[in-house]
Amino acid sequence: MPLTTDQLEREGDIAADYIEEFLDICDLDGDIDIDARNGRAYLSVKASDADNLRVLSKPETVNALQELTRLAVQNKTGSFSRLILDIGGSREAREAELATLVARAIERIIAGASEADLPAMSSYERKLVHDIVAASGGYRSESSGEGRDRHTVITAA
């Protein structure tokens, strides 16, 4: 059952408090924007000085901090959280990387491969890949594998 706008706003507020406290502990400055997109709370942390968040904006760090933030929200609400955390534009940068991966995979198919496997990635990233493939036209994608090995396979439509 999808969360209501009020529930998403509450998740966002709890997450923002958690991230704000984390930034204070790290002695980092950042502005936090809260939004609701596609049934998820979405937090974006930005800084006027891009170097200020450079360490935190690495993909592995963002994913780890996102999981910790989700747990903090779950601890307060009692419900699983699917919130998305973006630090210093890391999500946009990752989307661009995924678009490049998809383009290269499609080039392999055009060159004669029957399918192209992408590396294992999170469910959120696989969803982005599926959206990119659907928008490219003439190709389809599906997830394959289990657990940490779950990845996306692209084929001609």
C-alpha atoms as a PDB file:
ATOM      1  CA  MET A   1       0.000   0.000   0.000  1.00  0.00           C
ATOM      2  CA  PRO A   2       1.517   3.351  -1.040  1.00  0.00           C
ATOM      3  CA  LEU A   3       2.357   5.838   1.661  1.00  0.00           C
ATOM      4  CA  THR A   4       0.272   8.988   2.026  1.00  0.00           C
ATOM      5  CA  THR A   5       1.765  12.419   1.528  1.00  0.00           C
ATOM      6  CA  ASP A   6       1.659  12.961   5.304  1.00  0.00           C
ATOM      7  CA  GLN A   7       3.575   9.720   5.899  1.00  0.00           C
ATOM      8  CA  LEU A   8       6.182  10.643   3.304  1.00  0.00           C
ATOM      9  CA  GLU A   9       6.570  14.097   4.846  1.00  0.00           C
ATOM     10  CA  ARG A  10       7.030  12.536   8.288  1.00  0.00           C
ATOM     11  CA  GLU A  11       9.678  10.178   6.885  1.00  0.00           C
ATOM     12  CA  GLY A  12      11.395  13.141   5.267  1.00  0.00           C
ATOM     13  CA  ASP A  13      11.373  15.150   8.483  1.00  0.00           C
ATOM     14  CA  ILE A  14      12.773  12.259  10.546  1.00  0.00           C
ATOM     15  CA  ALA A  15      15.449  11.589   7.927  1.00  0.00           C
ATOM     16  CA  ALA A  16      16.360  15.285   7.693  1.00  0.00           C
ATOM     17  CA  ASP A  17      16.814  15.455  11.473  1.00  0.00           C
ATOM     18  CA  TYR A  18      19.050  12.375  11.340  1.00  0.00           C
ATOM     19  CA  ILE A  19      21.162  13.719   8.460  1.00  0.00           C
ATOM     20  CA  GLU A  20      21.412  17.162  10.056  1.00  0.00           C
ATOM     21  CA  GLU A  21      22.734  15.599  13.257  1.00  0.00           C
ATOM     22  CA  PHE A  22      25.168  13.484  11.221  1.00  0.00           C
ATOM     23  CA  LEU A  23      26.466  16.565   9.380  1.00  0.00           C
ATOM     24  CA  ASP A  24      26.894  18.373  12.713  1.00  0.00           C
ATOM     25  CA  ILE A  25      28.924  15.467  14.121  1.00  0.00           C
ATOM     26  CA  CYS A  26      31.102  15.510  10.979  1.00  0.00           C
ATOM     27  CA  ASP A  27      31.373  19.314  11.189  1.00  0.00           C
ATOM     28  CA  LEU A  28      30.075  19.667   7.622  1.00  0.00           C
ATOM     29  CA  ASP A  29      27.712  22.289   6.257  1.00  0.00           C
ATOM     30  CA  GLY A  30      24.833  21.311   4.043  1.00  0.00           C
ATOM     31  CA  ASP A  31      21.347  22.401   3.088  1.00  0.00           C
ATOM     32  CA  ILE A  32      18.690  19.689   3.147  1.00  0.00           C
ATOM     33  CA  ASP A  33      15.734  19.660   0.766  1.00  0.00           C
ATOM     34  CA  ILE A  34      12.854  17.251   1.350  1.00  0.00           C
ATOM     35  CA  ASP A  35      10.567  16.090  -1.436  1.00  0.00           C
ATOM     36  CA  ALA A  36       8.183  13.239  -2.250  1.00  0.00           C
ATOM     37  CA  ARG A  37       8.691  11.484  -5.595  1.00  0.00           C
ATOM     38  CA  ASN A  38       7.172   8.281  -6.921  1.00  0.00           C
ATOM     39  CA  GLY A  39       5.887   7.255  -3.514  1.00  0.00           C
ATOM     40  CA  ARG A  40       9.205   7.804  -1.739  1.00  0.00           C
ATOM     41  CA  ALA A  41      10.628  10.473   0.514  1.00  0.00           C
ATOM     42  CA  TYR A  42      13.598  12.066  -1.244  1.00  0.00           C
ATOM     43  CA  LEU A  43      16.312  13.982   0.634  1.00  0.00           C
ATOM     44  CA  SER A  44      18.871  16.081  -1.145  1.00  0.00           C
ATOM     45  CA  VAL A  45      21.890  17.479   0.684  1.00  0.00           C
ATOM     46  CA  LYS A  46      23.666  20.346  -1.045  1.00  0.00           C
ATOM     47  CA  ALA A  47      26.442  22.711  -0.077  1.00  0.00           C
ATOM     48  CA  SER A  48      27.544  26.027  -1.572  1.00  0.00           C
ATOM     49  CA  ASP A  49      31.103  24.660  -1.408  1.00  0.00           C
ATOM     50  CA  ALA A  50      31.027  21.410  -3.428  1.00  0.00           C
ATOM     51  CA  ASP A  51      34.262  20.204  -1.794  1.00  0.00           C
ATOM     52  CA  ASN A  52      32.458  20.274   1.543  1.00  0.00           C
ATOM     53  CA  LEU A  53      30.446  17.132   0.680  1.00  0.00           C
ATOM     54  CA  ARG A  54      32.950  15.399  -1.627  1.00  0.00           C
ATOM     55  CA  VAL A  55      33.737  12.553   0.809  1.00  0.00           C
ATOM     56  CA  LEU A  56      30.055  11.882   1.504  1.00  0.00           C
ATOM     57  CA  SER A  57      28.978  11.996  -2.149  1.00  0.00           C
ATOM     58  CA  LYS A  58      30.831   8.828  -3.181  1.00  0.00           C
ATOM     59  CA  PRO A  59      28.258   6.196  -4.268  1.00  0.00           C
ATOM     60  CA  GLU A  60      29.200   3.614  -1.641  1.00  0.00           C
ATOM     61  CA  THR A  61      29.067   6.249   1.092  1.00  0.00           C
ATOM     62  CA  VAL A  62      25.707   7.593  -0.068  1.00  0.00           C
ATOM     63  CA  ASN A  63      24.251   4.067  -0.148  1.00  0.00           C
ATOM     64  CA  ALA A  64      25.568   3.272   3.333  1.00  0.00           C
ATOM     65  CA  LEU A  65      24.293   6.549   4.776  1.00  0.00           C
ATOM     66  CA  GLN A  66      20.959   6.018   3.008  1.00  0.00           C
ATOM     67  CA  GLU A  67      20.599   2.614   4.704  1.00  0.00           C
ATOM     68  CA  LEU A  68      21.446   4.091   8.108  1.00  0.00           C
ATOM     69  CA  THR A  69      18.926   6.874   7.525  1.00  0.00           C
ATOM     70  CA  ARG A  70      16.267   4.354   6.490  1.00  0.00           C
ATOM     71  CA  LEU A  71      16.908   2.437   9.716  1.00  0.00           C
ATOM     72  CA  ALA A  72      16.585   5.646  11.757  1.00  0.00           C
ATOM     73  CA  VAL A  73      13.244   6.353  10.061  1.00  0.00           C
ATOM     74  CA  GLN A  74      12.076   2.777  10.582  1.00  0.00           C
ATOM     75  CA  ASN A  75      13.047   2.995  14.252  1.00  0.00           C
ATOM     76  CA  LYS A  76      10.799   6.053  14.694  1.00  0.00           C
ATOM     77  CA  THR A  77       7.874   5.002  12.472  1.00  0.00           C
ATOM     78  CA  GLY A  78       7.891   1.223  12.879  1.00  0.00           C
ATOM     79  CA  SER A  79       7.619   0.860   9.080  1.00  0.00           C
ATOM     80  CA  PHE A  80      10.152   0.014   6.386  1.00  0.00           C
ATOM     81  CA  SER A  81      11.375   3.134   4.595  1.00  0.00           C
ATOM     82  CA  ARG A  82      12.212   3.392   0.897  1.00  0.00           C
ATOM     83  CA  LEU A  83      13.588   6.933   1.092  1.00  0.00           C
ATOM     84  CA  ILE A  84      16.229   8.072  -1.345  1.00  0.00           C
ATOM     85  CA  LEU A  85      19.218  10.120  -0.238  1.00  0.00           C
ATOM     86  CA  ASP A  86      21.190  12.322  -2.603  1.00  0.00           C
ATOM     87  CA  ILE A  87      24.361  14.018  -1.438  1.00  0.00           C
ATOM     88  CA  GLY A  88      26.066  16.647  -3.539  1.00  0.00           C
ATOM     89  CA  GLY A  89      24.355  15.566  -6.766  1.00  0.00           C
ATOM     90  CA  SER A  90      25.547  11.971  -6.453  1.00  0.00           C
ATOM     91  CA  ARG A  91      22.282  10.535  -7.797  1.00  0.00           C
ATOM     92  CA  GLU A  92      22.386  12.654 -10.967  1.00  0.00           C
ATOM     93  CA  ALA A  93      25.992  11.640 -11.510  1.00  0.00           C
ATOM     94  CA  ARG A  94      25.088   7.963 -11.054  1.00  0.00           C
ATOM     95  CA  GLU A  95      22.145   8.285 -13.463  1.00  0.00           C
ATOM     96  CA  ALA A  96      24.555   9.651 -16.082  1.00  0.00           C
ATOM     97  CA  GLU A  97      26.911   6.706 -15.453  1.00  0.00           C
ATOM     98  CA  LEU A  98      24.006   4.269 -15.832  1.00  0.00           C
ATOM     99  CA  ALA A  99      22.936   5.936 -19.094  1.00  0.00           C
ATOM    100  CA  THR A 100      26.482   5.433 -20.387  1.00  0.00           C
ATOM    101  CA  LEU A 101      26.424   1.755 -19.320  1.00  0.00           C
ATOM    102  CA  VAL A 102      23.113   1.266 -21.128  1.00  0.00           C
ATOM    103  CA  ALA A 103      24.432   2.993 -24.271  1.00  0.00           C
ATOM    104  CA  ARG A 104      27.489   0.710 -24.303  1.00  0.00           C
ATOM    105  CA  ALA A 105      25.293  -2.352 -23.779  1.00  0.00           C
ATOM    106  CA  ILE A 106      23.082  -1.326 -26.697  1.00  0.00           C
ATOM    107  CA  GLU A 107      26.210  -0.836 -28.845  1.00  0.00           C
ATOM    108  CA  ARG A 108      27.203  -4.459 -28.050  1.00  0.00           C
ATOM    109  CA  ILE A 109      23.747  -5.649 -29.131  1.00  0.00           C
ATOM    110  CA  ILE A 110      23.929  -3.605 -32.343  1.00  0.00           C
ATOM    111  CA  ALA A 111      27.340  -5.212 -32.970  1.00  0.00           C
ATOM    112  CA  GLY A 112      25.722  -8.664 -32.804  1.00  0.00           C
ATOM    113  CA  ALA A 113      25.482  -9.732 -29.164  1.00  0.00           C
ATOM    114  CA  SER A 114      22.174 -11.415 -28.312  1.00  0.00           C
ATOM    115  CA  GLU A 115      22.122  -9.736 -24.898  1.00  0.00           C
ATOM    116  CA  ALA A 116      24.203  -7.507 -22.678  1.00  0.00           C
ATOM    117  CA  ASP A 117      24.541  -7.992 -18.930  1.00  0.00           C
ATOM    118  CA  LEU A 118      25.159  -5.000 -16.706  1.00  0.00           C
ATOM    119  CA  PRO A 119      26.963  -5.274 -13.366  1.00  0.00           C
ATOM    120  CA  ALA A 120      25.050  -6.044 -10.175  1.00  0.00           C
ATOM    121  CA  MET A 121      23.361  -2.999  -8.673  1.00  0.00           C
ATOM    122  CA  SER A 122      20.714  -1.929  -6.192  1.00  0.00           C
ATOM    123  CA  SER A 123      17.002  -2.215  -6.945  1.00  0.00           C
ATOM    124  CA  TYR A 124      16.814   1.582  -7.251  1.00  0.00           C
ATOM    125  CA  GLU A 125      19.589   1.614  -9.859  1.00  0.00           C
ATOM    126  CA  ARG A 126      18.031  -1.326 -11.741  1.00  0.00           C
ATOM    127  CA  LYS A 127      14.758   0.644 -11.870  1.00  0.00           C
ATOM    128  CA  LEU A 128      16.648   3.590 -13.352  1.00  0.00           C
ATOM    129  CA  VAL A 129      18.242   1.268 -15.932  1.00  0.00           C
ATOM    130  CA  HIS A 130      14.835  -0.170 -16.868  1.00  0.00           C
ATOM    131  CA  ASP A 131      13.535   3.388 -17.376  1.00  0.00           C
ATOM    132  CA  ILE A 132      16.560   4.359 -19.505  1.00  0.00           C
ATOM    133  CA  VAL A 133      16.211   1.222 -21.657  1.00  0.00           C
ATOM    134  CA  ALA A 134      12.452   1.777 -22.107  1.00  0.00           C
ATOM    135  CA  ALA A 135      13.084   5.359 -23.211  1.00  0.00           C
ATOM    136  CA  SER A 136      15.717   4.259 -25.753  1.00  0.00           C
ATOM    137  CA  GLY A 137      13.142   2.341 -27.818  1.00  0.00           C
ATOM    138  CA  GLY A 138      13.707  -0.994 -29.502  1.00  0.00           C
ATOM    139  CA  TYR A 139      15.244  -2.677 -26.465  1.00  0.00           C
ATOM    140  CA  ARG A 140      13.984  -4.329 -23.316  1.00  0.00           C
ATOM    141  CA  SER A 141      15.505  -5.117 -19.968  1.00  0.00           C
ATOM    142  CA  GLU A 142      14.859  -7.493 -17.124  1.00  0.00           C
ATOM    143  CA  SER A 143      16.474  -8.181 -13.794  1.00  0.00           C
ATOM    144  CA  SER A 144      18.270 -11.475 -13.313  1.00  0.00           C
ATOM    145  CA  GLY A 145      20.089 -13.203 -10.486  1.00  0.00           C
ATOM    146  CA  GLU A 146      19.578 -13.241  -6.735  1.00  0.00           C
ATOM    147  CA  GLY A 147      20.703 -11.092  -3.816  1.00  0.00           C
ATOM    148  CA  ARG A 148      23.951  -9.214  -4.324  1.00  0.00           C
ATOM    149  CA  ASP A 149      24.307 -10.734  -7.811  1.00  0.00           C
ATOM    150  CA  ARG A 150      21.024  -9.261  -9.087  1.00  0.00           C
ATOM    151  CA  HIS A 151      21.713  -7.380 -12.307  1.00  0.00           C
ATOM    152  CA  THR A 152      20.019  -6.178 -15.471  1.00  0.00           C
ATOM    153  CA  VAL A 153      20.067  -7.943 -18.834  1.00  0.00           C
ATOM    154  CA  ILE A 154      19.318  -5.902 -21.969  1.00  0.00           C
ATOM    155  CA  THR A 155      18.083  -7.455 -25.228  1.00  0.00           C
ATOM    156  CA  ALA A 156      16.626  -6.230 -28.493  1.00  0.00           C
ATOM    157  CA  ALA A 157      12.845  -5.938 -28.291  1.00  0.00           C
END
